[in-house]
């Protein structure tokens, strides 16, 4: 995709992308108002009802992955937060890889992990592809991407305008993708799709780079990685209309409280179940919980809330994974 010069007259600007773009910022299919720094202060200083999280939770190290999956086989492991190892048709994929201690621009402060990754970095099989949903620090982790680039040299797919950051950090072999843009790796088709979120690495660059989720089309069926997203009827219906055989979805269930602040960009468990049903996903797996305290709910609340809601909807295959445990999608 070529860089275009932004005209001085806004009305003359012609968007070269599939994603809504005004020449400076991207937007959602269902736009929501940008929350100001003062709204953030209001939450943190006056309306903060954050539950206490443990300083550390000991978890067992997960199963050692197979080197490669067989054709028609889908194996997956939720390592932590939104980091998932997906092994499908002999290709190894990592989503939003995060092995750092903090989800922060600095190493000495900011949200700190409360458990180790479910799989040690050194235990990873050869990684062929990394998909990045957006540029928030808990999803686009520069130290982890630098390690992956050095050791595994995967192709990295990122949304539009994220390339400059990777280039500045010495990370190569990446490709910027637009919504609905498809890349082919071996026989897999990987497509970047809309979700309901936003981007920023500071207070001054909100919405300047593109965010989204991914569909992986395999021999077995379609795998959906939602990334980090709020519930949006329009983008979910868009995905539903294009993909009729979603056999596995990774949907966020945490970072949803308080709702007045988080609703537009983070699903809560009832909304995650609603998305699962709407997409007709054969199985969904919860992600984006239990690793970093980013919002007000307690560490165990997303899982408890999800299980409570699932008890009202029997027959829904929505899994709460153990971090690092290997699962194989049943036939």
Foldseek 3Di string as FASTA:
>chain_A
DDDDDQDPDQVPDDDPFPFDDSSFFTAAPDGDDDDAPVNVCCCVPPVFQADDEDQADEDAAFDQDDQADDALWWKKFAFAFLWMWIHHNRATETFLDDQQQALAPDNPDHWGWRYGTSHDPVSDHQHAEYEFQADRSSRNPLVVQVVNCVPRVHEYEAAPPCVVVCVVSVHDNYDHDGAQDWDQDPHKIKGWHGAQAWYDNDNPRIRRTDGGWMWIQGPNFIETETHWFAQDPVRLVVLLVVGPTAAEYEAEADPCPPVVPRRRGHYHLVSRLVSCVSSVHNAYEYHRAQTTPDGRDYRCVSVVVNVVVCVVPPPHHYYYHDNNYMDIRDD
